[in-house]
C-alpha atoms as a PDB file:
ATOM      1  CA  MET A   1      25.746  16.278   0.827  1.00  0.00           C
ATOM      2  CA  THR A   2      24.635  15.670   4.322  1.00  0.00           C
ATOM      3  CA  GLN A   3      21.181  15.399   4.930  1.00  0.00           C
ATOM      4  CA  ILE A   4      19.171  16.336   8.143  1.00  0.00           C
ATOM      5  CA  TYR A   5      18.033  13.905  10.732  1.00  0.00           C
ATOM      6  CA  ILE A   6      14.369  15.502  12.515  1.00  0.00           C
ATOM      7  CA  GLN A   7      13.017  13.001  15.114  1.00  0.00           C
ATOM      8  CA  ASP A   8       9.671  13.377  17.259  1.00  0.00           C
ATOM      9  CA  LYS A   9       8.395  16.075  14.903  1.00  0.00           C
ATOM     10  CA  ARG A  10       4.755  16.942  14.107  1.00  0.00           C
ATOM     11  CA  PHE A  11       3.839  18.241  10.906  1.00  0.00           C
ATOM     12  CA  GLU A  12       0.251  19.521  10.554  1.00  0.00           C
ATOM     13  CA  LYS A  13      -1.641  21.432   7.396  1.00  0.00           C
ATOM     14  CA  ILE A  14       1.207  22.060   5.790  1.00  0.00           C
ATOM     15  CA  ASN A  15       1.667  22.221   1.678  1.00  0.00           C
ATOM     16  CA  PHE A  16       4.512  20.474   0.559  1.00  0.00           C
ATOM     17  CA  SER A  17       3.690  21.470  -2.594  1.00  0.00           C
ATOM     18  CA  GLU A  18       4.278  24.889  -2.342  1.00  0.00           C
ATOM     19  CA  THR A  19       7.108  24.644   0.736  1.00  0.00           C
ATOM     20  CA  PRO A  20       8.818  21.466   0.281  1.00  0.00           C
ATOM     21  CA  LEU A  21      10.009  19.247   2.906  1.00  0.00           C
ATOM     22  CA  VAL A  22      13.635  19.129   3.415  1.00  0.00           C
ATOM     23  CA  LYS A  23      15.095  15.957   2.277  1.00  0.00           C
ATOM     24  CA  GLY A  24      16.542  13.990   4.883  1.00  0.00           C
ATOM     25  CA  GLU A  25      15.851  11.120   7.413  1.00  0.00           C
ATOM     26  CA  TYR A  26      12.469  11.824   9.430  1.00  0.00           C
ATOM     27  CA  GLU A  27      12.061   9.582  12.626  1.00  0.00           C
ATOM     28  CA  ASP A  28       8.982   9.328  14.999  1.00  0.00           C
ATOM     29  CA  CYS A  29       7.464  11.951  13.174  1.00  0.00           C
ATOM     30  CA  THR A  30       3.509  12.318  12.537  1.00  0.00           C
ATOM     31  CA  PHE A  31       2.093  14.194   9.594  1.00  0.00           C
ATOM     32  CA  VAL A  32      -1.320  15.347   9.638  1.00  0.00           C
ATOM     33  CA  ASP A  33      -3.748  17.159   7.063  1.00  0.00           C
ATOM     34  CA  CYS A  34      -0.407  17.476   4.866  1.00  0.00           C
ATOM     35  CA  LEU A  35      -0.521  18.120   1.085  1.00  0.00           C
ATOM     36  CA  PHE A  36       2.322  15.896  -0.903  1.00  0.00           C
ATOM     37  CA  GLU A  37       0.327  15.754  -3.947  1.00  0.00           C
ATOM     38  CA  ARG A  38       2.701  15.178  -7.063  1.00  0.00           C
ATOM     39  CA  VAL A  39       5.777  15.992  -4.176  1.00  0.00           C
ATOM     40  CA  HIS A  40       9.658  14.680  -4.828  1.00  0.00           C
ATOM     41  CA  LEU A  41      10.165  12.218  -1.901  1.00  0.00           C
ATOM     42  CA  SER A  42      13.159  10.526  -3.657  1.00  0.00           C
ATOM     43  CA  GLY A  43      15.605   9.739  -1.434  1.00  0.00           C
ATOM     44  CA  PHE A  44      13.788  10.350   1.828  1.00  0.00           C
ATOM     45  CA  ILE A  45      13.593   8.276   4.694  1.00  0.00           C
ATOM     46  CA  PHE A  46      10.666   7.626   6.926  1.00  0.00           C
ATOM     47  CA  THR A  47      11.193   5.581  10.161  1.00  0.00           C
ATOM     48  CA  ASN A  48       8.221   4.674  12.154  1.00  0.00           C
ATOM     49  CA  CYS A  49       6.742   7.677  10.836  1.00  0.00           C
ATOM     50  CA  GLN A  50       2.513   8.284  10.572  1.00  0.00           C
ATOM     51  CA  PHE A  51       0.826  10.010   7.857  1.00  0.00           C
ATOM     52  CA  VAL A  52      -3.006  11.185   8.966  1.00  0.00           C
ATOM     53  CA  ASN A  53      -5.442  12.361   6.693  1.00  0.00           C
ATOM     54  CA  CYS A  54      -2.593  13.222   4.155  1.00  0.00           C
ATOM     55  CA  ASN A  55      -2.948  13.299   0.172  1.00  0.00           C
ATOM     56  CA  LEU A  56      -0.023  11.869  -1.420  1.00  0.00           C
ATOM     57  CA  SER A  57      -1.325  11.411  -5.091  1.00  0.00           C
ATOM     58  CA  LEU A  58       1.460  10.945  -7.727  1.00  0.00           C
ATOM     59  CA  ALA A  59       4.295  11.613  -4.950  1.00  0.00           C
ATOM     60  CA  LYS A  60       7.418  10.133  -6.531  1.00  0.00           C
ATOM     61  CA  VAL A  61       8.910   8.081  -4.347  1.00  0.00           C
ATOM     62  CA  ALA A  62      12.129   6.606  -5.832  1.00  0.00           C
ATOM     63  CA  ASN A  63      14.898   5.235  -3.432  1.00  0.00           C
ATOM     64  CA  SER A  64      12.850   6.364  -0.495  1.00  0.00           C
ATOM     65  CA  SER A  65      12.719   4.465   2.426  1.00  0.00           C
ATOM     66  CA  LEU A  66       9.369   3.539   4.449  1.00  0.00           C
ATOM     67  CA  LYS A  67      10.479   1.480   7.468  1.00  0.00           C
ATOM     68  CA  ASN A  68       7.403   0.753   9.743  1.00  0.00           C
ATOM     69  CA  VAL A  69       5.296   3.705   8.217  1.00  0.00           C
ATOM     70  CA  SER A  70       1.767   3.717   8.571  1.00  0.00           C
ATOM     71  CA  PHE A  71      -0.883   5.587   6.608  1.00  0.00           C
ATOM     72  CA  LYS A  72      -4.485   6.767   8.157  1.00  0.00           C
ATOM     73  CA  GLY A  73      -7.361   8.259   5.911  1.00  0.00           C
ATOM     74  CA  CYS A  74      -4.980   9.069   3.211  1.00  0.00           C
ATOM     75  CA  LYS A  75      -4.940   9.380  -0.415  1.00  0.00           C
ATOM     76  CA  LEU A  76      -2.058   7.782  -2.174  1.00  0.00           C
ATOM     77  CA  LEU A  77      -3.061   7.411  -5.892  1.00  0.00           C
ATOM     78  CA  GLY A  78      -0.824   6.508  -8.515  1.00  0.00           C
ATOM     79  CA  ILE A  79       1.938   5.935  -6.498  1.00  0.00           C
ATOM     80  CA  PRO A  80       4.859   3.809  -7.653  1.00  0.00           C
ATOM     81  CA  PHE A  81       5.719   2.008  -4.295  1.00  0.00           C
ATOM     82  CA  GLU A  82       7.701  -0.629  -6.044  1.00  0.00           C
ATOM     83  CA  ASN A  83      10.661   2.321  -6.741  1.00  0.00           C
ATOM     84  CA  CYS A  84      11.077   2.666  -2.827  1.00  0.00           C
ATOM     85  CA  HIS A  85      13.933   0.974  -0.869  1.00  0.00           C
ATOM     86  CA  THR A  86      13.066  -2.727   0.085  1.00  0.00           C
ATOM     87  CA  PHE A  87      15.605  -2.828   3.278  1.00  0.00           C
ATOM     88  CA  LEU A  88      13.495  -3.076   5.911  1.00  0.00           C
ATOM     89  CA  LEU A  89      10.003  -2.033   4.034  1.00  0.00           C
ATOM     90  CA  GLU A  90       7.210  -2.083   6.474  1.00  0.00           C
ATOM     91  CA  LEU A  91       3.913  -0.636   5.736  1.00  0.00           C
ATOM     92  CA  ARG A  92       0.420  -0.541   6.820  1.00  0.00           C
ATOM     93  CA  PHE A  93      -2.954   1.260   5.635  1.00  0.00           C
ATOM     94  CA  GLU A  94      -6.033   2.180   7.245  1.00  0.00           C
ATOM     95  CA  ASP A  95      -9.063   3.713   5.591  1.00  0.00           C
ATOM     96  CA  CYS A  96      -7.082   4.896   2.775  1.00  0.00           C
ATOM     97  CA  ALA A  97      -7.872   5.314  -0.948  1.00  0.00           C
ATOM     98  CA  ILE A  98      -4.517   3.645  -2.810  1.00  0.00           C
ATOM     99  CA  ASN A  99      -6.146   3.105  -5.978  1.00  0.00           C
ATOM    100  CA  VAL A 100      -3.909   3.067  -9.569  1.00  0.00           C
ATOM    101  CA  SER A 101      -0.745   2.720  -7.345  1.00  0.00           C
ATOM    102  CA  SER A 102       1.924  -0.381  -7.510  1.00  0.00           C
ATOM    103  CA  PHE A 103       2.989  -2.832  -5.037  1.00  0.00           C
ATOM    104  CA  TYR A 104       5.168  -4.546  -8.239  1.00  0.00           C
ATOM    105  CA  LYS A 105       7.489  -7.112  -6.544  1.00  0.00           C
ATOM    106  CA  LEU A 106       7.835  -5.707  -3.069  1.00  0.00           C
ATOM    107  CA  PRO A 107       8.097  -7.996  -0.196  1.00  0.00           C
ATOM    108  CA  LEU A 108       5.347  -6.674   1.841  1.00  0.00           C
ATOM    109  CA  LYS A 109       4.842 -10.017   3.935  1.00  0.00           C
ATOM    110  CA  LYS A 110       2.067  -9.400   7.136  1.00  0.00           C
ATOM    111  CA  THR A 111       1.033  -5.966   5.645  1.00  0.00           C
ATOM    112  CA  ILE A 112      -2.297  -4.786   7.070  1.00  0.00           C
ATOM    113  CA  PHE A 113      -4.736  -3.419   4.600  1.00  0.00           C
ATOM    114  CA  LYS A 114      -7.821  -1.950   6.546  1.00  0.00           C
ATOM    115  CA  ASN A 115     -11.065  -0.348   4.774  1.00  0.00           C
ATOM    116  CA  CYS A 116      -8.869   0.807   1.637  1.00  0.00           C
ATOM    117  CA  SER A 117      -9.993   1.137  -1.784  1.00  0.00           C
ATOM    118  CA  LEU A 118      -7.355  -0.850  -3.732  1.00  0.00           C
ATOM    119  CA  GLN A 119      -8.523  -0.533  -7.019  1.00  0.00           C
ATOM    120  CA  GLU A 120      -6.306  -1.339 -10.141  1.00  0.00           C
ATOM    121  CA  VAL A 121      -3.465  -1.653  -8.052  1.00  0.00           C
ATOM    122  CA  ASP A 122      -0.653  -3.828  -9.215  1.00  0.00           C
ATOM    123  CA  PHE A 123       0.416  -6.426  -6.811  1.00  0.00           C
ATOM    124  CA  SER A 124       2.107  -8.453  -9.462  1.00  0.00           C
ATOM    125  CA  GLU A 125       4.811 -10.587  -8.047  1.00  0.00           C
ATOM    126  CA  ALA A 126       4.831  -9.171  -4.602  1.00  0.00           C
ATOM    127  CA  ASP A 127       5.311 -11.113  -1.501  1.00  0.00           C
ATOM    128  CA  LEU A 128       1.886 -10.582   0.652  1.00  0.00           C
ATOM    129  CA  SER A 129       2.010 -14.064   2.539  1.00  0.00           C
ATOM    130  CA  GLN A 130       0.230 -13.503   5.999  1.00  0.00           C
ATOM    131  CA  SER A 131      -1.333  -9.899   4.900  1.00  0.00           C
ATOM    132  CA  ILE A 132      -4.544  -8.866   5.914  1.00  0.00           C
ATOM    133  CA  PHE A 133      -7.024  -7.080   3.805  1.00  0.00           C
ATOM    134  CA  ASN A 134      -9.577  -6.076   5.798  1.00  0.00           C
ATOM    135  CA  ASN A 135     -12.875  -4.646   4.091  1.00  0.00           C
ATOM    136  CA  CYS A 136     -10.997  -3.940   0.938  1.00  0.00           C
ATOM    137  CA  ASP A 137     -12.209  -3.202  -2.182  1.00  0.00           C
ATOM    138  CA  LEU A 138      -9.941  -4.896  -4.876  1.00  0.00           C
ATOM    139  CA  THR A 139     -11.953  -3.745  -8.076  1.00  0.00           C
ATOM    140  CA  GLY A 140      -9.322  -4.669 -10.903  1.00  0.00           C
ATOM    141  CA  ALA A 141      -6.458  -5.166  -8.589  1.00  0.00           C
ATOM    142  CA  ILE A 142      -3.820  -7.357 -10.653  1.00  0.00           C
ATOM    143  CA  PHE A 143      -2.260 -10.571  -9.148  1.00  0.00           C
ATOM    144  CA  GLY A 144      -0.030 -12.522 -11.264  1.00  0.00           C
ATOM    145  CA  LYS A 145       2.789 -14.753  -9.830  1.00  0.00           C
ATOM    146  CA  THR A 146       1.857 -13.250  -6.260  1.00  0.00           C
ATOM    147  CA  ASN A 147       2.651 -14.768  -3.226  1.00  0.00           C
ATOM    148  CA  LEU A 148      -0.735 -14.856  -1.081  1.00  0.00           C
ATOM    149  CA  GLU A 149       0.195 -17.659   1.159  1.00  0.00           C
ATOM    150  CA  LYS A 150      -1.826 -17.215   4.426  1.00  0.00           C
ATOM    151  CA  ALA A 151      -2.882 -13.850   3.512  1.00  0.00           C
ATOM    152  CA  ASP A 152      -6.551 -13.258   4.885  1.00  0.00           C
ATOM    153  CA  PHE A 153      -9.042 -12.369   2.119  1.00  0.00           C
ATOM    154  CA  SER A 154     -12.032 -13.102   4.250  1.00  0.00           C
ATOM    155  CA  THR A 155     -13.993  -9.494   4.280  1.00  0.00           C
ATOM    156  CA  ALA A 156     -12.382  -8.443   0.767  1.00  0.00           C
ATOM    157  CA  TYR A 157     -14.609  -7.914  -2.159  1.00  0.00           C
ATOM    158  CA  ASN A 158     -14.826  -7.491  -5.824  1.00  0.00           C
ATOM    159  CA  PHE A 159     -11.249  -9.092  -6.323  1.00  0.00           C
ATOM    160  CA  SER A 160     -10.297 -11.405  -9.113  1.00  0.00           C
ATOM    161  CA  ILE A 161      -7.687 -14.066  -8.090  1.00  0.00           C
ATOM    162  CA  ASN A 162      -6.445 -16.922 -10.633  1.00  0.00           C
ATOM    163  CA  PRO A 163      -4.916 -19.546  -8.483  1.00  0.00           C
ATOM    164  CA  ALA A 164      -3.191 -21.197 -11.213  1.00  0.00           C
ATOM    165  CA  GLU A 165      -1.032 -17.992 -11.713  1.00  0.00           C
ATOM    166  CA  ASN A 166      -0.856 -17.068  -7.856  1.00  0.00           C
ATOM    167  CA  ARG A 167       0.753 -18.814  -4.372  1.00  0.00           C
ATOM    168  CA  LEU A 168      -2.680 -19.281  -2.251  1.00  0.00           C
ATOM    169  CA  LYS A 169      -2.023 -22.032   0.142  1.00  0.00           C
ATOM    170  CA  LYS A 170      -3.889 -21.707   3.455  1.00  0.00           C
ATOM    171  CA  ALA A 171      -5.055 -18.247   2.333  1.00  0.00           C
ATOM    172  CA  LYS A 172      -8.402 -17.344   3.682  1.00  0.00           C
ATOM    173  CA  PHE A 173     -11.685 -16.553   1.748  1.00  0.00           C
ATOM    174  CA  SER A 174     -15.167 -16.275   2.620  1.00  0.00           C
ATOM    175  CA  SER A 175     -17.905 -18.424   0.959  1.00  0.00           C
ATOM    176  CA  SER A 176     -19.591 -15.092  -0.824  1.00  0.00           C
ATOM    177  CA  GLY A 177     -15.863 -14.136  -2.427  1.00  0.00           C
ATOM    178  CA  LEU A 178     -15.208 -17.177  -3.959  1.00  0.00           C
ATOM    179  CA  SER A 179     -16.583 -16.195  -6.865  1.00  0.00           C
ATOM    180  CA  GLY A 180     -13.224 -13.931  -7.105  1.00  0.00           C
ATOM    181  CA  LEU A 181     -11.186 -17.092  -7.362  1.00  0.00           C
ATOM    182  CA  LEU A 182     -13.152 -18.590 -10.376  1.00  0.00           C
ATOM    183  CA  HIS A 183     -13.310 -15.571 -12.284  1.00  0.00           C
ATOM    184  CA  ALA A 184     -10.524 -16.747 -14.747  1.00  0.00           C
ATOM    185  CA  HIS A 185     -12.336 -19.755 -15.376  1.00  0.00           C
ATOM    186  CA  ASP A 186     -15.392 -17.521 -16.803  1.00  0.00           C
ATOM    187  CA  LEU A 187     -17.877 -19.377 -15.058  1.00  0.00           C
ATOM    188  CA  VAL A 188     -21.491 -18.240 -13.818  1.00  0.00           C
ATOM    189  CA  ILE A 189     -22.118 -18.508 -10.243  1.00  0.00           C
ATOM    190  CA  VAL A 190     -25.242 -18.110  -9.269  1.00  0.00           C
ATOM    191  CA  PRO A 191     -26.773 -17.563  -5.338  1.00  0.00           C
END
């Protein structure tokens, strides 16, 4: 079955939970104020697309391709991003709530997370080298065997990262964030 190809289209204020998005390849498209909650986006291809103020919570993304896709002001709760194709995977997040989602084992080198809530997100075994966590809340986020080399956590907060279990060479942390690196050792840090 041939999938449709849609390019340079703007979708605004559409509830895709009621009127499903046609399965296909979307390139240079923008989705604004759209509802994708619990929508099956499995097998879709998004290239150079933007999602602005959309709710994609609990969306199904198995075998989806997200190539240079940005999310701004979006709600992305409980999304298993690890089910996406990894080939040319490139994501950017700004002002998003991505809580309880999973990036398990994904190649996310140089990914930018800006002003995001990343509570209880699973980053286990992901490659986040050179990624930036600018003003992000990482309460309960899971880092295990994660490559965080040259990642920037200098303005991130509420993280707990065990240096013995993750690759941290040349990663950046603020002095106020150092307690997040010592949490695994059950030390008491006094201001």
